[in-house]
Amino acid sequence: MLSPGPLSATDSVRAEFVSDRPLDVLLSMSPLRRGRTDPTYERDVSGSVWRTSRFETGPVTYRLTQTSRHSVAATAWGPGASEFLESLPALVGADDDASEFAPEHPTLKEAHRLFPHLRLGRTGRVMEALVPAILEQRVHGLSAFASWRKLVTKFGDRAPGPTPKPMFVSPTPDVWRRIPSWEYHLANVDPARSKTIVRCAQVANRLEQASSMSPEDAMKRLRAVPGVGIWTAAEVAQRAFGDPDALSVGDYHLSAVVGWSLLGRPIDDAEMIEYMKPIAPHRHRAVRLLAASGKAIKPKFGPRTPLVDHTWH
């Protein structure tokens, strides 16, 4: 990896990571995208992934291009570029170990056979995973994605370097903490979620430390903040920590999808937890494999999460 001095918004650094195991950059990166209009994520016509992030050394824009089954080329712009390059192997799943994952269910076996190269990446950045997860609490995904776009484009920083579309870096914790309540309201974020974001921003340094903790301690640290429950903490653990066992308990659809896909009937969260115990510590991996392989069965009936406009309240 390259380690030059401080970089400006227009300076770039490049590096290539070569893995001893096959990679799939798009699969590893896709969970980081928050809807098609995410101002921090883009995929260009060549298939490269562009994304922004914020490191201790500053904001960064990076472009990832898969150059072979085992390699990825990265170009990064901005003050945080050098620090980003140090995180590149973990981001594309170099730390992920599925060697002991041996599912017995035929559907999971087939999904694993089709996608043995699924690698769970980790960003190591807690707040950039935590804020959108809070926005997605108890609301339709489309509403949460719109709120994320509005807040990041209004209060974030313009992305450094050239980008295929106007892109932004998510705000600093201090900015999240200082956004007025009416601005959250205009972005269709109710007081319960906005207050949770503010509380997290107030202890952002302690939350970022969770990326170097054990999975159990990291989850405890996240859930110590009022408003951050088991679902939100799991969503963060999946992206920031690359936790292969972080099951999104409390998700509006997940238990039904797992039930229909593996048992042929809907189940609730309690049944899902019990049924997936033998798969631990790879329960999240199993869910990702179902989705990636197209074997996740989604019921076409039942109520949908309602679209709620909080700006009228």
C-alpha atoms as a PDB file:
ATOM      1  CA  MET A   1       0.000   0.000   0.000  1.00  0.00           C
ATOM      2  CA  LEU A   2       1.093   3.562  -0.638  1.00  0.00           C
ATOM      3  CA  SER A   3       1.607   5.949   2.273  1.00  0.00           C
ATOM      4  CA  PRO A   4       2.252   9.462   0.969  1.00  0.00           C
ATOM      5  CA  GLY A   5       1.959  12.631   3.045  1.00  0.00           C
ATOM      6  CA  PRO A   6      -1.200  14.724   3.511  1.00  0.00           C
ATOM      7  CA  LEU A   7      -3.312  14.949   0.366  1.00  0.00           C
ATOM      8  CA  SER A   8      -5.506  17.704  -1.023  1.00  0.00           C
ATOM      9  CA  ALA A   9      -8.970  17.181  -2.478  1.00  0.00           C
ATOM     10  CA  THR A  10      -7.501  16.834  -5.984  1.00  0.00           C
ATOM     11  CA  ASP A  11      -4.500  14.607  -5.211  1.00  0.00           C
ATOM     12  CA  SER A  12      -4.924  10.905  -5.832  1.00  0.00           C
ATOM     13  CA  VAL A  13      -3.198   7.727  -4.737  1.00  0.00           C
ATOM     14  CA  ARG A  14      -3.473   4.288  -6.250  1.00  0.00           C
ATOM     15  CA  ALA A  15      -2.969   0.770  -5.012  1.00  0.00           C
ATOM     16  CA  GLU A  16      -3.840  -2.789  -5.978  1.00  0.00           C
ATOM     17  CA  PHE A  17      -4.836  -5.531  -3.598  1.00  0.00           C
ATOM     18  CA  VAL A  18      -4.255  -9.130  -4.650  1.00  0.00           C
ATOM     19  CA  SER A  19      -5.983 -11.837  -2.628  1.00  0.00           C
ATOM     20  CA  ASP A  20      -5.124 -15.505  -2.321  1.00  0.00           C
ATOM     21  CA  ARG A  21      -8.854 -16.229  -2.611  1.00  0.00           C
ATOM     22  CA  PRO A  22     -11.424 -15.097  -5.210  1.00  0.00           C
ATOM     23  CA  LEU A  23     -13.084 -11.738  -4.662  1.00  0.00           C
ATOM     24  CA  ASP A  24     -16.365 -10.202  -5.744  1.00  0.00           C
ATOM     25  CA  VAL A  25     -16.094  -6.477  -5.140  1.00  0.00           C
ATOM     26  CA  LEU A  26     -19.702  -5.721  -6.097  1.00  0.00           C
ATOM     27  CA  LEU A  27     -21.053  -8.338  -3.691  1.00  0.00           C
ATOM     28  CA  SER A  28     -18.862  -7.106  -0.849  1.00  0.00           C
ATOM     29  CA  MET A  29     -19.709  -3.447  -1.442  1.00  0.00           C
ATOM     30  CA  SER A  30     -23.427  -3.614  -2.253  1.00  0.00           C
ATOM     31  CA  PRO A  31     -24.686  -3.541   1.395  1.00  0.00           C
ATOM     32  CA  LEU A  32     -23.093  -0.098   1.769  1.00  0.00           C
ATOM     33  CA  ARG A  33     -25.445   1.471  -0.768  1.00  0.00           C
ATOM     34  CA  ARG A  34     -28.486   3.180   0.736  1.00  0.00           C
ATOM     35  CA  GLY A  35     -30.854   3.213  -2.197  1.00  0.00           C
ATOM     36  CA  ARG A  36     -30.338   4.192  -5.828  1.00  0.00           C
ATOM     37  CA  THR A  37     -29.962   7.894  -4.998  1.00  0.00           C
ATOM     38  CA  ASP A  38     -27.340   7.446  -2.277  1.00  0.00           C
ATOM     39  CA  PRO A  39     -25.048  10.499  -2.581  1.00  0.00           C
ATOM     40  CA  THR A  40     -22.148   8.531  -1.061  1.00  0.00           C
ATOM     41  CA  TYR A  41     -22.227   5.606  -3.534  1.00  0.00           C
ATOM     42  CA  GLU A  42     -22.251   5.154  -7.299  1.00  0.00           C
ATOM     43  CA  ARG A  43     -21.501   2.483  -9.851  1.00  0.00           C
ATOM     44  CA  ASP A  44     -20.261   3.820 -13.192  1.00  0.00           C
ATOM     45  CA  VAL A  45     -20.771   2.468 -16.717  1.00  0.00           C
ATOM     46  CA  SER A  46     -17.529   0.479 -16.526  1.00  0.00           C
ATOM     47  CA  GLY A  47     -18.733  -1.369 -13.429  1.00  0.00           C
ATOM     48  CA  SER A  48     -16.402   0.393 -11.003  1.00  0.00           C
ATOM     49  CA  VAL A  49     -17.736   1.282  -7.561  1.00  0.00           C
ATOM     50  CA  TRP A  50     -17.330   4.863  -6.319  1.00  0.00           C
ATOM     51  CA  ARG A  51     -17.862   5.659  -2.676  1.00  0.00           C
ATOM     52  CA  THR A  52     -17.130   8.356  -0.122  1.00  0.00           C
ATOM     53  CA  SER A  53     -16.134   7.947   3.500  1.00  0.00           C
ATOM     54  CA  ARG A  54     -14.675   9.896   6.397  1.00  0.00           C
ATOM     55  CA  PHE A  55     -11.557   8.741   8.221  1.00  0.00           C
ATOM     56  CA  GLU A  56      -9.610  10.214  11.125  1.00  0.00           C
ATOM     57  CA  THR A  57      -7.386  11.974   8.594  1.00  0.00           C
ATOM     58  CA  GLY A  58     -10.322  13.412   6.657  1.00  0.00           C
ATOM     59  CA  PRO A  59     -12.805  12.713   3.860  1.00  0.00           C
ATOM     60  CA  VAL A  60     -12.058  10.441   0.917  1.00  0.00           C
ATOM     61  CA  THR A  61     -13.580   9.453  -2.406  1.00  0.00           C
ATOM     62  CA  TYR A  62     -12.482   6.092  -3.728  1.00  0.00           C
ATOM     63  CA  ARG A  63     -13.027   4.077  -6.881  1.00  0.00           C
ATOM     64  CA  LEU A  64     -12.743   0.282  -6.843  1.00  0.00           C
ATOM     65  CA  THR A  65     -12.287  -1.707 -10.046  1.00  0.00           C
ATOM     66  CA  GLN A  66     -12.072  -5.471 -10.042  1.00  0.00           C
ATOM     67  CA  THR A  67      -9.184  -6.403 -12.326  1.00  0.00           C
ATOM     68  CA  SER A  68      -9.278 -10.184 -11.954  1.00  0.00           C
ATOM     69  CA  ARG A  69     -10.941 -12.843  -9.808  1.00  0.00           C
ATOM     70  CA  HIS A  70      -8.303 -12.204  -7.159  1.00  0.00           C
ATOM     71  CA  SER A  71      -7.477  -8.512  -7.464  1.00  0.00           C
ATOM     72  CA  VAL A  72      -8.954  -5.043  -7.128  1.00  0.00           C
ATOM     73  CA  ALA A  73      -7.461  -1.689  -8.154  1.00  0.00           C
ATOM     74  CA  ALA A  74      -8.211   1.327  -5.979  1.00  0.00           C
ATOM     75  CA  THR A  75      -7.837   5.042  -6.661  1.00  0.00           C
ATOM     76  CA  ALA A  76      -8.530   7.462  -3.834  1.00  0.00           C
ATOM     77  CA  TRP A  77      -8.758  11.248  -3.525  1.00  0.00           C
ATOM     78  CA  GLY A  78      -8.810  13.531  -0.517  1.00  0.00           C
ATOM     79  CA  PRO A  79      -7.091  13.927   2.869  1.00  0.00           C
ATOM     80  CA  GLY A  80      -8.254  10.471   4.025  1.00  0.00           C
ATOM     81  CA  ALA A  81      -6.971   8.623   0.946  1.00  0.00           C
ATOM     82  CA  SER A  82      -3.840   7.107   2.472  1.00  0.00           C
ATOM     83  CA  GLU A  83      -5.713   5.924   5.549  1.00  0.00           C
ATOM     84  CA  PHE A  84      -8.396   4.440   3.315  1.00  0.00           C
ATOM     85  CA  LEU A  85      -5.839   2.393   1.385  1.00  0.00           C
ATOM     86  CA  GLU A  86      -4.775   0.757   4.633  1.00  0.00           C
ATOM     87  CA  SER A  87      -8.364  -0.422   5.102  1.00  0.00           C
ATOM     88  CA  LEU A  88      -8.809  -1.712   1.537  1.00  0.00           C
ATOM     89  CA  PRO A  89      -8.149  -5.436   2.182  1.00  0.00           C
ATOM     90  CA  ALA A  90     -10.706  -5.548   5.013  1.00  0.00           C
ATOM     91  CA  LEU A  91     -13.207  -3.570   2.942  1.00  0.00           C
ATOM     92  CA  VAL A  92     -13.244  -6.193   0.167  1.00  0.00           C
ATOM     93  CA  GLY A  93     -13.379  -9.109   2.609  1.00  0.00           C
ATOM     94  CA  ALA A  94      -9.794 -10.229   3.060  1.00  0.00           C
ATOM     95  CA  ASP A  95     -10.437 -10.797   6.777  1.00  0.00           C
ATOM     96  CA  ASP A  96     -13.601 -12.807   6.198  1.00  0.00           C
ATOM     97  CA  ASP A  97     -13.229 -16.525   6.861  1.00  0.00           C
ATOM     98  CA  ALA A  98     -15.976 -18.880   5.718  1.00  0.00           C
ATOM     99  CA  SER A  99     -13.861 -22.031   5.863  1.00  0.00           C
ATOM    100  CA  GLU A 100     -15.928 -23.498   8.708  1.00  0.00           C
ATOM    101  CA  PHE A 101     -19.272 -22.621   7.172  1.00  0.00           C
ATOM    102  CA  ALA A 102     -20.846 -25.973   6.234  1.00  0.00           C
ATOM    103  CA  PRO A 103     -24.638 -25.607   6.030  1.00  0.00           C
ATOM    104  CA  GLU A 104     -26.764 -28.739   5.919  1.00  0.00           C
ATOM    105  CA  HIS A 105     -29.923 -27.276   4.398  1.00  0.00           C
ATOM    106  CA  PRO A 106     -29.992 -28.045   0.642  1.00  0.00           C
ATOM    107  CA  THR A 107     -30.933 -24.481  -0.275  1.00  0.00           C
ATOM    108  CA  LEU A 108     -28.055 -22.992   1.693  1.00  0.00           C
ATOM    109  CA  LYS A 109     -25.681 -25.649   0.400  1.00  0.00           C
ATOM    110  CA  GLU A 110     -26.559 -24.719  -3.169  1.00  0.00           C
ATOM    111  CA  ALA A 111     -26.305 -20.995  -2.477  1.00  0.00           C
ATOM    112  CA  HIS A 112     -22.863 -21.488  -0.949  1.00  0.00           C
ATOM    113  CA  ARG A 113     -21.790 -23.599  -3.916  1.00  0.00           C
ATOM    114  CA  LEU A 114     -22.914 -20.890  -6.334  1.00  0.00           C
ATOM    115  CA  PHE A 115     -21.270 -18.050  -4.377  1.00  0.00           C
ATOM    116  CA  PRO A 116     -18.230 -19.474  -2.556  1.00  0.00           C
ATOM    117  CA  HIS A 117     -16.496 -16.146  -3.218  1.00  0.00           C
ATOM    118  CA  LEU A 118     -18.986 -14.082  -1.180  1.00  0.00           C
ATOM    119  CA  ARG A 119     -16.749 -12.106   1.174  1.00  0.00           C
ATOM    120  CA  LEU A 120     -18.176  -9.971   3.968  1.00  0.00           C
ATOM    121  CA  GLY A 121     -16.276  -6.702   4.042  1.00  0.00           C
ATOM    122  CA  ARG A 122     -15.813  -4.292   6.933  1.00  0.00           C
ATOM    123  CA  THR A 123     -15.474  -0.527   6.717  1.00  0.00           C
ATOM    124  CA  GLY A 124     -14.367   0.035  10.305  1.00  0.00           C
ATOM    125  CA  ARG A 125     -16.436   3.253  10.267  1.00  0.00           C
ATOM    126  CA  VAL A 126     -19.247   3.136  12.814  1.00  0.00           C
ATOM    127  CA  MET A 127     -21.107   6.441  12.458  1.00  0.00           C
ATOM    128  CA  GLU A 128     -21.436   6.201   8.682  1.00  0.00           C
ATOM    129  CA  ALA A 129     -23.206   2.855   9.163  1.00  0.00           C
ATOM    130  CA  LEU A 130     -25.107   3.861  12.284  1.00  0.00           C
ATOM    131  CA  VAL A 131     -26.869   7.025  11.080  1.00  0.00           C
ATOM    132  CA  PRO A 132     -28.542   5.444   8.014  1.00  0.00           C
ATOM    133  CA  ALA A 133     -29.511   2.414  10.108  1.00  0.00           C
ATOM    134  CA  ILE A 134     -31.246   4.729  12.590  1.00  0.00           C
ATOM    135  CA  LEU A 135     -33.006   6.468   9.714  1.00  0.00           C
ATOM    136  CA  GLU A 136     -34.294   3.066   8.559  1.00  0.00           C
ATOM    137  CA  GLN A 137     -35.853   2.229  11.927  1.00  0.00           C
ATOM    138  CA  ARG A 138     -39.573   1.411  11.628  1.00  0.00           C
ATOM    139  CA  VAL A 139     -40.073   3.177   8.281  1.00  0.00           C
ATOM    140  CA  HIS A 140     -40.223   2.196   4.639  1.00  0.00           C
ATOM    141  CA  GLY A 141     -36.792   1.942   3.029  1.00  0.00           C
ATOM    142  CA  LEU A 142     -37.701   4.481   0.358  1.00  0.00           C
ATOM    143  CA  SER A 143     -38.481   7.090   3.027  1.00  0.00           C
ATOM    144  CA  ALA A 144     -35.235   6.379   4.877  1.00  0.00           C
ATOM    145  CA  PHE A 145     -33.170   6.576   1.694  1.00  0.00           C
ATOM    146  CA  ALA A 146     -34.746   9.928   0.836  1.00  0.00           C
ATOM    147  CA  SER A 147     -33.993  11.260   4.323  1.00  0.00           C
ATOM    148  CA  TRP A 148     -30.376  10.084   4.061  1.00  0.00           C
ATOM    149  CA  ARG A 149     -29.984  11.791   0.670  1.00  0.00           C
ATOM    150  CA  LYS A 150     -31.463  15.085   1.879  1.00  0.00           C
ATOM    151  CA  LEU A 151     -29.413  15.269   5.061  1.00  0.00           C
ATOM    152  CA  VAL A 152     -26.102  14.211   3.524  1.00  0.00           C
ATOM    153  CA  THR A 153     -26.367  16.541   0.523  1.00  0.00           C
ATOM    154  CA  LYS A 154     -27.376  19.486   2.727  1.00  0.00           C
ATOM    155  CA  PHE A 155     -25.024  19.020   5.671  1.00  0.00           C
ATOM    156  CA  GLY A 156     -22.237  16.818   4.312  1.00  0.00           C
ATOM    157  CA  ASP A 157     -19.144  17.870   2.365  1.00  0.00           C
ATOM    158  CA  ARG A 158     -18.709  17.746  -1.386  1.00  0.00           C
ATOM    159  CA  ALA A 159     -16.729  14.662  -2.298  1.00  0.00           C
ATOM    160  CA  PRO A 160     -13.054  15.246  -3.120  1.00  0.00           C
ATOM    161  CA  GLY A 161     -11.719  14.365  -6.547  1.00  0.00           C
ATOM    162  CA  PRO A 162     -13.592  13.716  -9.800  1.00  0.00           C
ATOM    163  CA  THR A 163     -16.842  11.785  -9.419  1.00  0.00           C
ATOM    164  CA  PRO A 164     -19.265  10.328 -11.986  1.00  0.00           C
ATOM    165  CA  LYS A 165     -22.120  12.286 -10.379  1.00  0.00           C
ATOM    166  CA  PRO A 166     -22.263  14.950  -7.642  1.00  0.00           C
ATOM    167  CA  MET A 167     -21.279  13.022  -4.533  1.00  0.00           C
ATOM    168  CA  PHE A 168     -21.055  13.949  -0.866  1.00  0.00           C
ATOM    169  CA  VAL A 169     -19.304  12.770   2.281  1.00  0.00           C
ATOM    170  CA  SER A 170     -21.595  12.173   5.251  1.00  0.00           C
ATOM    171  CA  PRO A 171     -21.399  14.845   7.977  1.00  0.00           C
ATOM    172  CA  THR A 172     -19.015  14.751  10.905  1.00  0.00           C
ATOM    173  CA  PRO A 173     -20.453  13.726  14.283  1.00  0.00           C
ATOM    174  CA  ASP A 174     -20.307  17.350  15.390  1.00  0.00           C
ATOM    175  CA  VAL A 175     -22.462  18.374  12.432  1.00  0.00           C
ATOM    176  CA  TRP A 176     -24.961  15.544  13.030  1.00  0.00           C
ATOM    177  CA  ARG A 177     -25.198  16.719  16.642  1.00  0.00           C
ATOM    178  CA  ARG A 178     -25.862  20.340  15.666  1.00  0.00           C
ATOM    179  CA  ILE A 179     -28.448  19.839  12.908  1.00  0.00           C
ATOM    180  CA  PRO A 180     -31.563  21.699  14.110  1.00  0.00           C
ATOM    181  CA  SER A 181     -34.633  19.631  14.929  1.00  0.00           C
ATOM    182  CA  TRP A 182     -36.639  21.345  12.185  1.00  0.00           C
ATOM    183  CA  GLU A 183     -34.090  20.279   9.574  1.00  0.00           C
ATOM    184  CA  TYR A 184     -34.573  16.660  10.602  1.00  0.00           C
ATOM    185  CA  HIS A 185     -38.312  17.311  10.415  1.00  0.00           C
ATOM    186  CA  LEU A 186     -38.008  18.692   6.873  1.00  0.00           C
ATOM    187  CA  ALA A 187     -36.066  15.550   5.941  1.00  0.00           C
ATOM    188  CA  ASN A 188     -39.031  13.463   7.164  1.00  0.00           C
ATOM    189  CA  VAL A 189     -37.247  12.208  10.286  1.00  0.00           C
ATOM    190  CA  ASP A 190     -39.387  11.975  13.408  1.00  0.00           C
ATOM    191  CA  PRO A 191     -38.097  13.160  16.817  1.00  0.00           C
ATOM    192  CA  ALA A 192     -37.404   9.645  18.108  1.00  0.00           C
ATOM    193  CA  ARG A 193     -34.927   8.916  15.305  1.00  0.00           C
ATOM    194  CA  SER A 194     -33.371  12.386  15.217  1.00  0.00           C
ATOM    195  CA  LYS A 195     -32.778  12.329  18.979  1.00  0.00           C
ATOM    196  CA  THR A 196     -31.096   8.915  18.643  1.00  0.00           C
ATOM    197  CA  ILE A 197     -28.781  10.291  15.952  1.00  0.00           C
ATOM    198  CA  VAL A 198     -27.886  13.247  18.181  1.00  0.00           C
ATOM    199  CA  ARG A 199     -27.213  10.969  21.176  1.00  0.00           C
ATOM    200  CA  CYS A 200     -24.931   8.790  19.028  1.00  0.00           C
ATOM    201  CA  ALA A 201     -23.090  11.820  17.677  1.00  0.00           C
ATOM    202  CA  GLN A 202     -22.434  13.006  21.232  1.00  0.00           C
ATOM    203  CA  VAL A 203     -20.539   9.787  22.017  1.00  0.00           C
ATOM    204  CA  ALA A 204     -19.197   9.129  18.516  1.00  0.00           C
ATOM    205  CA  ASN A 205     -15.605   8.592  19.663  1.00  0.00           C
ATOM    206  CA  ARG A 206     -16.658   5.813  22.038  1.00  0.00           C
ATOM    207  CA  LEU A 207     -18.816   4.231  19.368  1.00  0.00           C
ATOM    208  CA  GLU A 208     -15.989   4.244  16.819  1.00  0.00           C
ATOM    209  CA  GLN A 209     -13.895   2.290  19.331  1.00  0.00           C
ATOM    210  CA  ALA A 210     -16.323  -0.599  18.909  1.00  0.00           C
ATOM    211  CA  SER A 211     -14.687  -1.493  15.587  1.00  0.00           C
ATOM    212  CA  SER A 212     -11.699  -2.903  17.487  1.00  0.00           C
ATOM    213  CA  MET A 213     -13.745  -4.807  20.093  1.00  0.00           C
ATOM    214  CA  SER A 214     -15.001  -8.375  20.185  1.00  0.00           C
ATOM    215  CA  PRO A 215     -18.422  -8.827  18.552  1.00  0.00           C
ATOM    216  CA  GLU A 216     -20.090  -9.188  21.941  1.00  0.00           C
ATOM    217  CA  ASP A 217     -18.479  -6.086  23.417  1.00  0.00           C
ATOM    218  CA  ALA A 218     -19.092  -4.088  20.258  1.00  0.00           C
ATOM    219  CA  MET A 219     -22.795  -4.865  20.350  1.00  0.00           C
ATOM    220  CA  LYS A 220     -22.959  -3.884  24.035  1.00  0.00           C
ATOM    221  CA  ARG A 221     -21.221  -0.588  23.283  1.00  0.00           C
ATOM    222  CA  LEU A 222     -23.657   0.227  20.470  1.00  0.00           C
ATOM    223  CA  ARG A 223     -26.764  -0.770  22.410  1.00  0.00           C
ATOM    224  CA  ALA A 224     -25.728   1.314  25.405  1.00  0.00           C
ATOM    225  CA  VAL A 225     -27.070   4.346  23.534  1.00  0.00           C
ATOM    226  CA  PRO A 226     -30.842   4.754  24.056  1.00  0.00           C
ATOM    227  CA  GLY A 227     -32.639   4.204  20.764  1.00  0.00           C
ATOM    228  CA  VAL A 228     -30.069   1.763  19.377  1.00  0.00           C
ATOM    229  CA  GLY A 229     -31.684  -1.657  19.582  1.00  0.00           C
ATOM    230  CA  ILE A 230     -30.713  -5.129  18.470  1.00  0.00           C
ATOM    231  CA  TRP A 231     -31.737  -4.549  14.832  1.00  0.00           C
ATOM    232  CA  THR A 232     -29.832  -1.274  14.477  1.00  0.00           C
ATOM    233  CA  ALA A 233     -26.728  -2.689  16.163  1.00  0.00           C
ATOM    234  CA  ALA A 234     -26.793  -5.729  13.862  1.00  0.00           C
ATOM    235  CA  GLU A 235     -27.072  -3.546  10.759  1.00  0.00           C
ATOM    236  CA  VAL A 236     -23.989  -1.621  11.909  1.00  0.00           C
ATOM    237  CA  ALA A 237     -22.080  -4.782  12.807  1.00  0.00           C
ATOM    238  CA  GLN A 238     -22.681  -6.230   9.354  1.00  0.00           C
ATOM    239  CA  ARG A 239     -21.168  -3.216   7.575  1.00  0.00           C
ATOM    240  CA  ALA A 240     -18.690  -1.646   9.966  1.00  0.00           C
ATOM    241  CA  PHE A 241     -17.361  -4.861  11.554  1.00  0.00           C
ATOM    242  CA  GLY A 242     -18.019  -7.471   8.852  1.00  0.00           C
ATOM    243  CA  ASP A 243     -19.708  -9.635  11.494  1.00  0.00           C
ATOM    244  CA  PRO A 244     -20.861 -12.866   9.774  1.00  0.00           C
ATOM    245  CA  ASP A 245     -23.266 -13.674  12.612  1.00  0.00           C
ATOM    246  CA  ALA A 246     -25.040 -10.303  13.003  1.00  0.00           C
ATOM    247  CA  LEU A 247     -28.644 -11.348  12.453  1.00  0.00           C
ATOM    248  CA  SER A 248     -31.077  -8.466  11.914  1.00  0.00           C
ATOM    249  CA  VAL A 249     -33.625  -9.549  14.502  1.00  0.00           C
ATOM    250  CA  GLY A 250     -36.648  -7.286  14.358  1.00  0.00           C
ATOM    251  CA  ASP A 251     -36.467  -6.727  10.614  1.00  0.00           C
ATOM    252  CA  TYR A 252     -39.917  -6.268   9.096  1.00  0.00           C
ATOM    253  CA  HIS A 253     -39.474  -9.053   6.525  1.00  0.00           C
ATOM    254  CA  LEU A 254     -36.424 -11.145   7.457  1.00  0.00           C
ATOM    255  CA  SER A 255     -38.023 -13.856   9.595  1.00  0.00           C
ATOM    256  CA  ALA A 256     -40.708 -14.460   6.975  1.00  0.00           C
ATOM    257  CA  VAL A 257     -38.095 -14.628   4.206  1.00  0.00           C
ATOM    258  CA  VAL A 258     -35.975 -17.098   6.181  1.00  0.00           C
ATOM    259  CA  GLY A 259     -39.054 -19.181   6.979  1.00  0.00           C
ATOM    260  CA  TRP A 260     -40.368 -19.319   3.419  1.00  0.00           C
ATOM    261  CA  SER A 261     -36.902 -19.908   1.934  1.00  0.00           C
ATOM    262  CA  LEU A 262     -35.801 -22.693   4.290  1.00  0.00           C
ATOM    263  CA  LEU A 263     -39.000 -24.130   5.779  1.00  0.00           C
ATOM    264  CA  GLY A 264     -41.688 -23.319   3.243  1.00  0.00           C
ATOM    265  CA  ARG A 265     -43.729 -21.317   5.739  1.00  0.00           C
ATOM    266  CA  PRO A 266     -43.530 -17.997   7.590  1.00  0.00           C
ATOM    267  CA  ILE A 267     -41.932 -17.861  11.024  1.00  0.00           C
ATOM    268  CA  ASP A 268     -41.473 -15.112  13.613  1.00  0.00           C
ATOM    269  CA  ASP A 269     -38.269 -13.751  15.112  1.00  0.00           C
ATOM    270  CA  ALA A 270     -38.201 -16.209  18.012  1.00  0.00           C
ATOM    271  CA  GLU A 271     -38.527 -19.180  15.649  1.00  0.00           C
ATOM    272  CA  MET A 272     -35.905 -17.727  13.330  1.00  0.00           C
ATOM    273  CA  ILE A 273     -33.407 -17.331  16.166  1.00  0.00           C
ATOM    274  CA  GLU A 274     -33.980 -20.883  17.345  1.00  0.00           C
ATOM    275  CA  TYR A 275     -33.903 -22.382  13.857  1.00  0.00           C
ATOM    276  CA  MET A 276     -30.665 -20.628  12.887  1.00  0.00           C
ATOM    277  CA  LYS A 277     -28.726 -21.526  16.045  1.00  0.00           C
ATOM    278  CA  PRO A 278     -26.839 -24.398  14.323  1.00  0.00           C
ATOM    279  CA  ILE A 279     -25.618 -21.974  11.632  1.00  0.00           C
ATOM    280  CA  ALA A 280     -23.925 -19.638  14.154  1.00  0.00           C
ATOM    281  CA  PRO A 281     -21.525 -17.874  13.856  1.00  0.00           C
ATOM    282  CA  HIS A 282     -22.562 -17.459  10.220  1.00  0.00           C
ATOM    283  CA  ARG A 283     -26.230 -16.474  10.401  1.00  0.00           C
ATOM    284  CA  HIS A 284     -25.773 -13.193   8.546  1.00  0.00           C
ATOM    285  CA  ARG A 285     -23.672 -14.981   5.934  1.00  0.00           C
ATOM    286  CA  ALA A 286     -26.547 -17.391   5.361  1.00  0.00           C
ATOM    287  CA  VAL A 287     -28.967 -14.508   4.834  1.00  0.00           C
ATOM    288  CA  ARG A 288     -26.585 -12.822   2.392  1.00  0.00           C
ATOM    289  CA  LEU A 289     -26.165 -16.058   0.456  1.00  0.00           C
ATOM    290  CA  LEU A 290     -29.924 -16.485   0.140  1.00  0.00           C
ATOM    291  CA  ALA A 291     -30.202 -12.979  -1.300  1.00  0.00           C
ATOM    292  CA  ALA A 292     -27.146 -13.195  -3.581  1.00  0.00           C
ATOM    293  CA  SER A 293     -28.198 -16.546  -5.048  1.00  0.00           C
ATOM    294  CA  GLY A 294     -31.781 -15.456  -5.703  1.00  0.00           C
ATOM    295  CA  LYS A 295     -33.043 -18.212  -3.397  1.00  0.00           C
ATOM    296  CA  ALA A 296     -34.608 -15.840  -0.880  1.00  0.00           C
ATOM    297  CA  ILE A 297     -38.360 -16.275  -1.197  1.00  0.00           C
ATOM    298  CA  LYS A 298     -40.262 -13.076  -0.518  1.00  0.00           C
ATOM    299  CA  PRO A 299     -43.976 -13.494   0.195  1.00  0.00           C
ATOM    300  CA  LYS A 300     -46.195 -11.439  -2.111  1.00  0.00           C
ATOM    301  CA  PHE A 301     -48.918 -10.975   0.476  1.00  0.00           C
ATOM    302  CA  GLY A 302     -49.227  -9.296   3.841  1.00  0.00           C
ATOM    303  CA  PRO A 303     -49.013  -5.651   4.894  1.00  0.00           C
ATOM    304  CA  ARG A 304     -46.221  -3.414   3.668  1.00  0.00           C
ATOM    305  CA  THR A 305     -44.340  -0.953   5.855  1.00  0.00           C
ATOM    306  CA  PRO A 306     -46.338   2.261   5.417  1.00  0.00           C
ATOM    307  CA  LEU A 307     -44.850   5.358   3.840  1.00  0.00           C
ATOM    308  CA  VAL A 308     -45.192   8.035   6.519  1.00  0.00           C
ATOM    309  CA  ASP A 309     -44.658  11.733   5.880  1.00  0.00           C
ATOM    310  CA  HIS A 310     -43.471  13.225   9.179  1.00  0.00           C
ATOM    311  CA  THR A 311     -43.158  16.698   7.670  1.00  0.00           C
ATOM    312  CA  TRP A 312     -46.947  17.085   8.034  1.00  0.00           C
ATOM    313  CA  HIS A 313     -46.919  16.268  11.731  1.00  0.00           C
END
